[in-house]
Amino acid sequence: MKIDRRSLLRSTASGFGYLAFASLLDQQSRADTPANPLAAQQPHFAPRAKRVIFLFMKGGPSHVDTFDYKPLLQRDDGKSLPFEKPRVQFGQTNNLLRSPWKFKQHGESGMWVSSLFPHVARHVDKICFLNSVHGTNAAHGGALLKLHTGSDNFVRPSIGSWVSYGLGTENQNLPAFITICPTLAHGGVKNWSNAFLPAHFQGMPLGNASLQSKDAKVRYAKNPYLSRQAQRRQLDLVAAMNQDHLQHSGPDDGLRSRMSSFELAFRMQQEVPRIQDISDETPETLQLYGLDEKITSDFGRQCLLARRFAERGVRFIQVTHSDDDVQWDQHANLKVGHDENALEVDKPIAGLLTDLHQRGLLEDTLVVWGGEFGRTPVAQGSNGRDHNPEGFTMWMAGAGVKGGFQYGATDDYGYYAVENKMHIHDFHATWLHLMGLDHERLTYRYAGRDFRLTDVSGQVAHTIFA
């Protein structure tokens, strides 16, 4: 069958276009891939925070029993809720349940804090309480993913990965994103995953929730078989072979990320063991974090490690309180469960705030506290509370936020966010803004569209900035 030149070009034009497009992509990929993909990047504008420590309380601490005082809830204990409950609820609930803890005002600001957090209460003038956060999912798995990735029904990059992508790391011997003793449940690795971002923006887990923090180590941080000189020669050989492969095969983000991870792992061998060795800390510092007491030593070590990573240039450090199957998830025995949980974290958190302040690090370190949702003001069973994503409290401290300040409010009983409502997308937008990142500009093209942490929503709460 004969075919003229015009018909040939018409039928294969799209193929030529794809060839040209592939060539452009190859050039763009090579131009956009620095020697070190985690090199420090310029923010979109002057940041208030250079780094963040996220204190994640897995399970959902009760806001109406911690930082959101509701006098009417105390008064109307046992009565029916005077308005409709949410259309979608996680479980069956009953009448109003007063808080078993007493609230008092603290600091010059007079912020209300329950007796669960006597140590944190001393720092209220450094803390900005966000009392109107709300989400969209009443189940742990969906709510964890929403908080960490901005989506509860798709696999998306975590906020730590977005920060790594936007800012890189200040210390080339360490990752930009470290998560200490993360939970393996309710989304697990997806909560610190890079998803479709290049693999070098994945969070590095240090242990997991099934381990005590003293046993959470970076695996293979030491090589007992090869000297550093021999390892260096080995890596150089592997790098040369990989570069030769890339020249012949074209762009390969996965291979580039593996090459980057090999180099970072080599550099980490000297840096990480020094950070995890806390023998150079003074007895006063160890006591400040509660390492001298059994009940606080585990979480205290996590908080101390977070400070040590932060002062060495890691951009995003997450610390997770998740030491058993229940955590803050008290569907029953609220008093017993929250008492134990608060006792484990109260002193270490206060110690972290004190230590950061004394070292001058709180000025440019953002500390974030909270869980995936709050709890209902109505009882579940006789002495528990159910999940409540409709309105709950998170707080921030340091790095340009107003201390001794309350933003937003829930209703008189603490069920719904009603004033200055802050959706999770708004929370993320505000968080990124403090780090000098415009959430609408921090995008990554994947599958034909530009993605961002806040999807197509998100308003920055400028009111909370000092």
Protein backbone atom coordinates (compact mmCIF):
# COMPACT_ATOMS: atom_id res chain seq x y z
CA MET A 1 0.00 0.00 0.00
CA LYS A 2 1.42 3.34 -1.09
CA ILE A 3 1.08 6.47 1.04
CA ASP A 4 1.95 9.99 0.03
CA ARG A 5 4.13 12.27 2.14
CA ARG A 6 1.22 14.52 3.22
CA SER A 7 -0.79 11.54 4.55
CA LEU A 8 2.27 10.15 6.32
CA LEU A 9 2.93 13.40 8.12
CA ARG A 10 -0.75 13.79 9.01
CA SER A 11 -0.99 10.30 10.50
CA THR A 12 2.28 10.52 12.44
CA ALA A 13 2.19 14.18 13.51
CA SER A 14 1.13 13.32 17.01
CA GLY A 15 4.09 10.95 17.27
CA PHE A 16 6.52 13.71 16.30
CA GLY A 17 4.85 15.92 18.87
CA TYR A 18 5.31 13.34 21.59
CA LEU A 19 8.98 12.96 20.66
CA ALA A 20 9.51 16.72 20.93
CA PHE A 21 7.56 16.86 24.16
CA ALA A 22 9.64 14.04 25.66
CA SER A 23 12.80 15.90 24.71
CA LEU A 24 11.55 19.06 26.40
CA LEU A 25 10.58 17.10 29.51
CA ASP A 26 14.03 15.54 29.61
CA GLN A 27 15.70 18.97 29.43
CA GLN A 28 13.32 20.36 32.04
CA SER A 29 13.85 17.39 34.34
CA ARG A 30 17.62 17.77 34.16
CA ALA A 31 17.42 21.54 34.65
CA ASP A 32 15.12 21.21 37.65
CA THR A 33 17.13 18.49 39.39
CA PRO A 34 19.89 20.06 41.50
CA ALA A 35 22.92 18.11 42.66
CA ASN A 36 21.17 17.88 46.03
CA PRO A 37 17.37 17.93 45.70
CA LEU A 38 17.03 18.74 49.42
CA ALA A 39 19.16 21.87 49.15
CA ALA A 40 17.70 24.83 51.05
CA GLN A 41 15.18 26.74 48.93
CA GLN A 42 14.04 30.35 49.12
CA PRO A 43 10.53 30.78 50.60
CA HIS A 44 7.89 32.78 48.75
CA PHE A 45 8.18 35.60 51.29
CA ALA A 46 9.89 36.35 54.59
CA PRO A 47 9.00 33.48 56.96
CA ARG A 48 8.12 33.80 60.61
CA ALA A 49 9.11 30.16 61.20
CA LYS A 50 12.18 28.36 59.87
CA ARG A 51 11.08 24.98 61.20
CA VAL A 52 8.13 23.27 62.87
CA ILE A 53 7.65 20.72 65.63
CA PHE A 54 4.27 19.00 65.42
CA LEU A 55 3.14 17.36 68.67
CA PHE A 56 0.48 14.93 67.47
CA MET A 57 -1.90 13.48 70.06
CA LYS A 58 -3.31 10.42 68.29
CA GLY A 59 -6.88 9.43 69.12
CA GLY A 60 -8.48 12.84 69.57
CA PRO A 61 -8.05 14.65 72.92
CA SER A 62 -11.20 16.23 74.29
CA HIS A 63 -11.17 20.00 73.77
CA VAL A 64 -13.96 20.56 76.30
CA ASP A 65 -11.79 18.86 78.94
CA THR A 66 -8.51 20.59 78.10
CA PHE A 67 -8.44 24.05 76.50
CA ASP A 68 -12.05 24.98 75.65
CA TYR A 69 -13.88 25.83 78.87
CA LYS A 70 -17.70 25.61 78.69
CA PRO A 71 -19.51 26.82 81.83
CA LEU A 72 -22.90 25.80 80.42
CA LEU A 73 -21.65 22.25 79.93
CA GLN A 74 -20.79 22.15 83.63
CA ARG A 75 -24.19 23.60 84.58
CA ASP A 76 -26.33 21.41 82.32
CA ASP A 77 -24.74 18.05 83.06
CA GLY A 78 -27.19 15.22 82.29
CA LYS A 79 -29.58 17.36 80.25
CA SER A 80 -30.40 16.91 76.57
CA LEU A 81 -28.37 18.81 74.00
CA PRO A 82 -30.58 21.84 73.15
CA PHE A 83 -29.90 21.61 69.39
CA GLU A 84 -29.49 18.93 66.73
CA LYS A 85 -26.55 16.59 66.70
CA PRO A 86 -24.62 16.18 63.42
CA ARG A 87 -26.32 14.22 60.67
CA VAL A 88 -23.32 11.88 60.50
CA GLN A 89 -22.03 10.60 63.83
CA PHE A 90 -19.45 7.96 64.63
CA GLY A 91 -21.51 6.28 67.37
CA GLN A 92 -24.58 6.66 69.52
CA THR A 93 -24.42 9.31 72.24
CA ASN A 94 -26.61 10.39 75.12
CA ASN A 95 -27.05 13.58 77.17
CA LEU A 96 -24.56 16.28 78.11
CA LEU A 97 -21.56 15.23 80.19
CA ARG A 98 -19.75 17.80 82.34
CA SER A 99 -15.98 17.84 82.46
CA PRO A 100 -14.58 15.98 85.47
CA TRP A 101 -11.66 18.44 85.63
CA LYS A 102 -11.64 21.98 87.00
CA PHE A 103 -10.72 24.90 84.78
CA LYS A 104 -8.74 27.93 85.93
CA GLN A 105 -7.43 31.06 84.27
CA HIS A 106 -3.67 31.34 83.82
CA GLY A 107 -1.04 33.88 82.85
CA GLU A 108 -1.47 37.56 82.16
CA SER A 109 -3.83 36.66 79.33
CA GLY A 110 -6.19 34.74 81.63
CA MET A 111 -6.51 31.77 79.27
CA TRP A 112 -8.64 28.93 80.64
CA VAL A 113 -6.89 25.56 81.01
CA SER A 114 -8.11 22.46 82.82
CA SER A 115 -6.25 20.76 85.63
CA LEU A 116 -5.13 18.12 83.12
CA PHE A 117 -2.32 20.42 81.94
CA PRO A 118 -0.80 22.24 84.93
CA HIS A 119 2.66 22.53 83.32
CA VAL A 120 1.46 23.68 79.89
CA ALA A 121 -0.83 26.16 81.69
CA ARG A 122 2.26 28.10 82.77
CA HIS A 123 3.00 28.84 79.12
CA VAL A 124 -0.39 30.16 77.98
CA ASP A 125 1.07 33.59 77.28
CA LYS A 126 3.21 31.96 74.56
CA ILE A 127 0.31 29.96 73.08
CA CYS A 128 -2.27 30.82 70.44
CA PHE A 129 -5.34 28.64 71.01
CA LEU A 130 -7.30 27.76 67.87
CA ASN A 131 -10.71 26.87 69.30
CA SER A 132 -12.64 26.62 66.04
CA VAL A 133 -10.81 23.97 64.01
CA HIS A 134 -13.12 21.57 62.19
CA GLY A 135 -12.77 18.68 59.77
CA THR A 136 -14.90 16.42 57.62
CA ASN A 137 -14.36 12.89 58.87
CA ALA A 138 -15.45 11.25 62.11
CA ALA A 139 -13.30 8.12 61.68
CA HIS A 140 -9.69 7.92 62.82
CA GLY A 141 -8.27 6.81 59.48
CA GLY A 142 -9.92 9.51 57.41
CA ALA A 143 -9.35 12.21 60.02
CA LEU A 144 -5.64 11.37 60.37
CA LEU A 145 -5.17 11.53 56.61
CA LYS A 146 -7.11 14.80 56.42
CA LEU A 147 -4.92 16.37 59.10
CA HIS A 148 -1.65 15.09 57.67
CA THR A 149 -2.31 15.28 53.92
CA GLY A 150 -5.35 17.50 53.38
CA SER A 151 -7.38 14.63 51.93
CA ASP A 152 -9.34 11.86 53.59
CA ASN A 153 -10.16 9.83 50.47
CA PHE A 154 -7.08 10.03 48.23
CA VAL A 155 -3.39 9.34 48.73
CA ARG A 156 -1.75 12.76 48.86
CA PRO A 157 1.63 14.09 50.05
CA SER A 158 1.86 14.84 53.76
CA ILE A 159 2.36 18.36 55.03
CA GLY A 160 5.92 17.49 56.05
CA SER A 161 6.65 16.41 52.48
CA TRP A 162 5.18 19.64 51.12
CA VAL A 163 7.38 21.66 53.49
CA SER A 164 10.41 19.61 52.40
CA TYR A 165 9.53 20.19 48.75
CA GLY A 166 9.09 23.92 49.31
CA LEU A 167 12.04 24.66 51.60
CA GLY A 168 14.53 21.79 51.58
CA THR A 169 16.72 21.25 54.62
CA GLU A 170 19.08 23.63 56.40
CA ASN A 171 21.48 20.76 57.17
CA GLN A 172 22.61 18.69 54.19
CA ASN A 173 23.56 15.84 56.51
CA LEU A 174 19.97 15.37 57.67
CA PRO A 175 16.56 14.86 56.04
CA ALA A 176 14.16 17.79 55.86
CA PHE A 177 11.34 15.75 57.46
CA ILE A 178 11.63 13.39 60.44
CA THR A 179 8.76 11.70 62.28
CA ILE A 180 9.55 10.24 65.70
CA CYS A 181 7.73 7.07 66.80
CA PRO A 182 4.87 7.48 64.28
CA THR A 183 1.76 5.36 64.44
CA LEU A 184 1.48 2.50 61.98
CA ALA A 185 -2.32 2.47 62.27
CA HIS A 186 -5.05 4.52 60.57
CA GLY A 187 -3.19 5.33 57.39
CA GLY A 188 0.24 4.48 58.73
CA VAL A 189 3.00 5.46 56.33
CA LYS A 190 0.55 7.48 54.22
CA ASN A 191 0.56 10.07 57.01
CA TRP A 192 4.22 10.85 56.35
CA SER A 193 4.32 9.83 52.70
CA ASN A 194 5.58 11.84 49.74
CA ALA A 195 2.83 10.22 47.57
CA PHE A 196 3.42 11.62 44.04
CA LEU A 197 6.13 14.08 45.09
CA PRO A 198 9.68 12.85 44.36
CA ALA A 199 10.71 10.16 46.82
CA HIS A 200 13.41 12.24 48.54
CA PHE A 201 10.61 14.28 50.18
CA GLN A 202 9.33 11.22 52.07
CA GLY A 203 9.40 11.57 55.86
CA MET A 204 12.08 9.57 57.64
CA PRO A 205 10.56 7.52 60.49
CA LEU A 206 12.60 7.17 63.65
CA GLY A 207 11.19 4.02 65.21
CA ASN A 208 7.43 3.60 65.47
CA ALA A 209 4.67 3.66 68.07
CA SER A 210 5.33 0.08 69.14
CA LEU A 211 8.81 1.02 70.37
CA GLN A 212 9.99 3.02 73.34
CA SER A 213 11.71 6.19 72.14
CA LYS A 214 15.01 5.03 73.68
CA ASP A 215 14.92 2.07 71.27
CA ALA A 216 13.96 4.12 68.19
CA LYS A 217 17.10 4.20 66.09
CA VAL A 218 18.01 4.82 62.47
CA ARG A 219 18.66 1.38 61.05
CA TYR A 220 22.10 0.72 59.60
CA ALA A 221 23.46 4.05 60.84
CA LYS A 222 26.80 2.29 61.26
CA ASN A 223 28.56 -0.01 58.82
CA PRO A 224 30.77 -2.46 60.74
CA TYR A 225 32.19 -3.98 57.58
CA LEU A 226 33.46 -1.07 55.49
CA SER A 227 35.44 2.05 56.35
CA ARG A 228 34.05 5.42 55.31
CA GLN A 229 36.70 5.62 52.59
CA ALA A 230 35.61 2.26 51.19
CA GLN A 231 31.93 3.25 51.38
CA ARG A 232 32.73 6.50 49.56
CA ARG A 233 34.45 4.62 46.72
CA GLN A 234 31.53 2.20 46.55
CA LEU A 235 28.99 5.04 46.33
CA ASP A 236 31.04 6.82 43.67
CA LEU A 237 31.08 3.67 41.56
CA VAL A 238 27.32 3.18 41.92
CA ALA A 239 26.70 6.86 41.14
CA ALA A 240 28.82 6.66 37.99
CA MET A 241 26.92 3.62 36.76
CA ASN A 242 23.57 5.27 37.51
CA GLN A 243 24.58 8.48 35.73
CA ASP A 244 25.61 6.44 32.69
CA HIS A 245 22.22 4.72 32.77
CA LEU A 246 20.39 8.07 32.98
CA GLN A 247 22.27 9.43 29.99
CA HIS A 248 21.05 6.54 27.86
CA SER A 249 17.59 5.95 29.33
CA GLY A 250 16.35 9.50 29.87
CA PRO A 251 14.68 11.00 32.97
CA ASP A 252 14.00 8.67 35.89
CA ASP A 253 12.83 10.44 39.05
CA GLY A 254 12.80 7.19 41.01
CA LEU A 255 16.45 6.49 40.23
CA ARG A 256 17.46 10.08 40.99
CA SER A 257 15.70 9.85 44.35
CA ARG A 258 17.47 6.59 45.17
CA MET A 259 20.81 8.16 44.29
CA SER A 260 19.99 11.10 46.55
CA SER A 261 18.95 8.77 49.38
CA PHE A 262 22.25 6.83 49.14
CA GLU A 263 24.22 10.05 49.53
CA LEU A 264 22.06 11.31 52.40
CA ALA A 265 22.32 7.99 54.23
CA PHE A 266 26.10 8.15 53.93
CA ARG A 267 26.20 11.65 55.43
CA MET A 268 23.70 10.73 58.16
CA GLN A 269 26.02 8.04 59.53
CA GLN A 270 28.02 10.65 61.40
CA GLU A 271 25.27 13.16 62.19
CA VAL A 272 22.36 11.08 63.49
CA PRO A 273 24.18 9.06 66.18
CA ARG A 274 25.46 12.30 67.69
CA ILE A 275 21.93 13.72 67.84
CA GLN A 276 20.46 10.60 69.41
CA ASP A 277 23.21 10.43 72.02
CA ILE A 278 21.77 12.68 74.73
CA SER A 279 24.63 12.09 77.19
CA ASP A 280 25.82 15.65 76.60
CA GLU A 281 22.59 17.11 78.02
CA THR A 282 22.71 18.50 81.56
CA PRO A 283 20.82 16.79 84.40
CA GLU A 284 18.68 19.94 84.62
CA THR A 285 17.63 19.60 80.97
CA LEU A 286 16.82 15.90 81.34
CA GLN A 287 14.71 16.72 84.38
CA LEU A 288 13.01 19.56 82.51
CA TYR A 289 11.71 17.07 79.94
CA GLY A 290 10.75 14.50 82.57
CA LEU A 291 13.39 11.91 81.67
CA ASP A 292 13.93 11.28 85.38
CA GLU A 293 10.36 9.97 85.82
CA LYS A 294 8.99 6.75 84.36
CA ILE A 295 5.60 8.20 83.39
CA THR A 296 7.12 11.05 81.32
CA SER A 297 10.47 9.61 80.18
CA ASP A 298 9.27 8.11 76.88
CA PHE A 299 7.49 11.15 75.49
CA GLY A 300 10.05 13.42 77.13
CA ARG A 301 12.84 11.81 75.12
CA GLN A 302 10.83 12.31 71.93
CA CYS A 303 10.43 16.02 72.71
CA LEU A 304 14.12 16.36 73.56
CA LEU A 305 15.10 14.67 70.29
CA ALA A 306 12.76 17.04 68.45
CA ARG A 307 14.63 20.00 69.90
CA ARG A 308 18.00 18.45 68.99
CA PHE A 309 16.87 17.84 65.39
CA ALA A 310 15.35 21.33 65.18
CA GLU A 311 18.51 23.11 66.30
CA ARG A 312 20.47 21.20 63.65
CA GLY A 313 18.32 22.40 60.77
CA VAL A 314 15.59 19.80 60.19
CA ARG A 315 12.58 21.66 58.78
CA PHE A 316 9.73 19.45 59.97
CA ILE A 317 9.76 17.20 63.03
CA GLN A 318 6.70 15.29 64.15
CA VAL A 319 6.40 13.75 67.60
CA THR A 320 3.52 11.32 68.10
CA HIS A 321 1.92 10.31 71.38
CA SER A 322 0.58 6.89 70.49
CA ASP A 323 1.77 4.28 72.95
CA ASP A 324 -1.14 1.82 72.89
CA ASP A 325 -4.36 0.98 71.08
CA VAL A 326 -6.42 3.60 72.89
CA GLN A 327 -4.34 6.78 73.16
CA TRP A 328 -6.72 9.74 73.62
CA ASP A 329 -9.68 7.78 72.25
CA GLN A 330 -11.79 7.50 75.42
CA HIS A 331 -15.20 6.20 74.35
CA ALA A 332 -15.39 5.04 77.98
CA ASN A 333 -13.46 5.79 81.16
CA LEU A 334 -12.72 9.35 80.07
CA LYS A 335 -11.36 10.34 83.48
CA VAL A 336 -8.90 7.46 83.74
CA GLY A 337 -7.70 7.64 80.13
CA HIS A 338 -7.22 11.39 79.84
CA ASP A 339 -5.57 11.55 83.27
CA GLU A 340 -2.95 9.03 82.19
CA ASN A 341 -2.39 10.53 78.75
CA ALA A 342 -2.05 14.09 80.02
CA LEU A 343 0.35 12.99 82.74
CA GLU A 344 2.62 11.43 80.09
CA VAL A 345 2.80 14.53 77.87
CA ASP A 346 2.15 17.63 80.01
CA LYS A 347 5.59 18.03 81.58
CA PRO A 348 7.56 17.13 78.41
CA ILE A 349 5.59 19.63 76.30
CA ALA A 350 6.13 22.37 78.86
CA GLY A 351 9.79 21.40 79.03
CA LEU A 352 10.10 21.70 75.25
CA LEU A 353 8.55 25.18 75.26
CA THR A 354 10.84 26.27 78.11
CA ASP A 355 13.96 24.84 76.46
CA LEU A 356 13.21 26.36 73.05
CA HIS A 357 12.55 29.73 74.68
CA GLN A 358 15.76 29.65 76.74
CA ARG A 359 17.83 28.79 73.66
CA GLY A 360 16.23 31.50 71.52
CA LEU A 361 14.79 28.86 69.21
CA LEU A 362 11.13 29.59 69.91
CA GLU A 363 11.45 32.84 67.97
CA ASP A 364 11.70 30.95 64.67
CA THR A 365 10.36 27.48 65.60
CA LEU A 366 6.64 26.87 65.29
CA VAL A 367 5.27 24.36 67.81
CA VAL A 368 1.90 22.85 66.87
CA TRP A 369 -0.23 20.69 69.19
CA GLY A 370 -3.40 18.70 68.53
CA GLY A 371 -5.15 15.52 67.45
CA GLU A 372 -7.21 14.46 64.46
CA PHE A 373 -10.47 15.68 66.05
CA GLY A 374 -12.02 16.52 69.42
CA ARG A 375 -14.67 14.77 71.51
CA THR A 376 -18.41 15.24 71.91
CA PRO A 377 -19.83 17.26 74.83
CA VAL A 378 -22.46 14.54 75.12
CA ALA A 379 -21.74 11.21 76.79
CA GLN A 380 -21.06 7.93 75.11
CA GLY A 381 -22.18 5.25 77.51
CA SER A 382 -21.98 6.62 81.03
CA ASN A 383 -18.48 8.09 81.19
CA GLY A 384 -16.98 8.45 77.71
CA ARG A 385 -17.05 10.80 74.73
CA ASP A 386 -17.36 10.03 71.03
CA HIS A 387 -15.36 11.45 68.10
CA ASN A 388 -16.15 15.03 67.15
CA PRO A 389 -14.71 16.65 64.00
CA GLU A 390 -17.33 19.44 64.03
CA GLY A 391 -15.31 21.73 66.31
CA PHE A 392 -12.16 21.24 68.37
CA THR A 393 -8.97 22.88 69.62
CA MET A 394 -5.41 22.89 68.35
CA TRP A 395 -2.74 25.34 69.39
CA MET A 396 0.42 26.97 68.09
CA ALA A 397 3.31 28.60 69.91
CA GLY A 398 6.36 30.58 68.88
CA ALA A 399 7.46 31.83 65.45
CA GLY A 400 5.29 34.89 65.05
CA VAL A 401 1.92 33.78 66.44
CA LYS A 402 0.15 35.80 69.12
CA GLY A 403 0.73 34.39 72.58
CA GLY A 404 -2.07 34.39 75.13
CA PHE A 405 -4.56 34.62 72.28
CA GLN A 406 -7.73 32.71 71.46
CA TYR A 407 -8.88 32.46 67.87
CA GLY A 408 -12.40 31.31 67.08
CA ALA A 409 -14.93 29.58 69.28
CA THR A 410 -17.27 26.63 69.46
CA ASP A 411 -20.89 26.90 70.61
CA ASP A 412 -21.87 27.13 74.29
CA TYR A 413 -21.42 23.39 74.76
CA GLY A 414 -18.43 22.80 72.48
CA TYR A 415 -20.03 20.75 69.71
CA TYR A 416 -19.72 22.95 66.60
CA ALA A 417 -17.21 25.58 65.49
CA VAL A 418 -19.26 28.76 65.16
CA GLU A 419 -16.91 31.78 65.24
CA ASN A 420 -13.96 32.31 62.86
CA LYS A 421 -14.32 28.71 61.75
CA MET A 422 -10.99 27.19 60.74
CA HIS A 423 -11.28 24.22 58.40
CA ILE A 424 -8.29 21.88 58.13
CA HIS A 425 -7.46 23.55 54.79
CA ASP A 426 -7.40 26.94 56.54
CA PHE A 427 -5.21 25.45 59.27
CA HIS A 428 -2.75 24.17 56.66
CA ALA A 429 -2.77 27.45 54.72
CA THR A 430 -1.98 29.36 57.91
CA TRP A 431 0.71 26.87 58.92
CA LEU A 432 2.45 27.18 55.51
CA HIS A 433 2.15 30.98 55.56
CA LEU A 434 4.08 31.10 58.83
CA MET A 435 6.88 29.22 57.07
CA GLY A 436 6.95 31.71 54.20
CA LEU A 437 5.02 29.52 51.76
CA ASP A 438 1.97 30.64 49.80
CA HIS A 439 -0.31 27.61 49.82
CA GLU A 440 -1.72 28.56 46.40
CA ARG A 441 1.75 28.73 44.85
CA LEU A 442 3.17 25.60 46.48
CA THR A 443 2.01 23.22 43.74
CA TYR A 444 3.23 20.13 41.95
CA ARG A 445 2.03 18.94 38.55
CA TYR A 446 0.90 15.34 38.52
CA ALA A 447 -1.48 13.41 36.24
CA GLY A 448 -2.22 16.50 34.19
CA ARG A 449 -3.12 18.96 36.94
CA ASP A 450 -1.46 21.08 39.61
CA PHE A 451 -1.94 19.73 43.12
CA ARG A 452 -1.46 21.51 46.42
CA LEU A 453 -1.88 20.65 50.10
CA THR A 454 -5.05 22.74 50.43
CA ASP A 455 -6.64 21.43 47.20
CA VAL A 456 -8.85 24.33 45.99
CA SER A 457 -9.60 25.84 49.41
CA GLY A 458 -7.84 27.41 52.37
CA GLN A 459 -7.83 30.87 53.92
CA VAL A 460 -4.91 32.20 55.96
CA ALA A 461 -5.90 33.35 59.48
CA HIS A 462 -3.82 36.55 59.49
CA THR A 463 -5.44 37.56 62.80
CA ILE A 464 -3.28 35.13 64.77
CA PHE A 465 0.02 36.65 63.60
CA ALA A 466 1.92 38.84 66.06
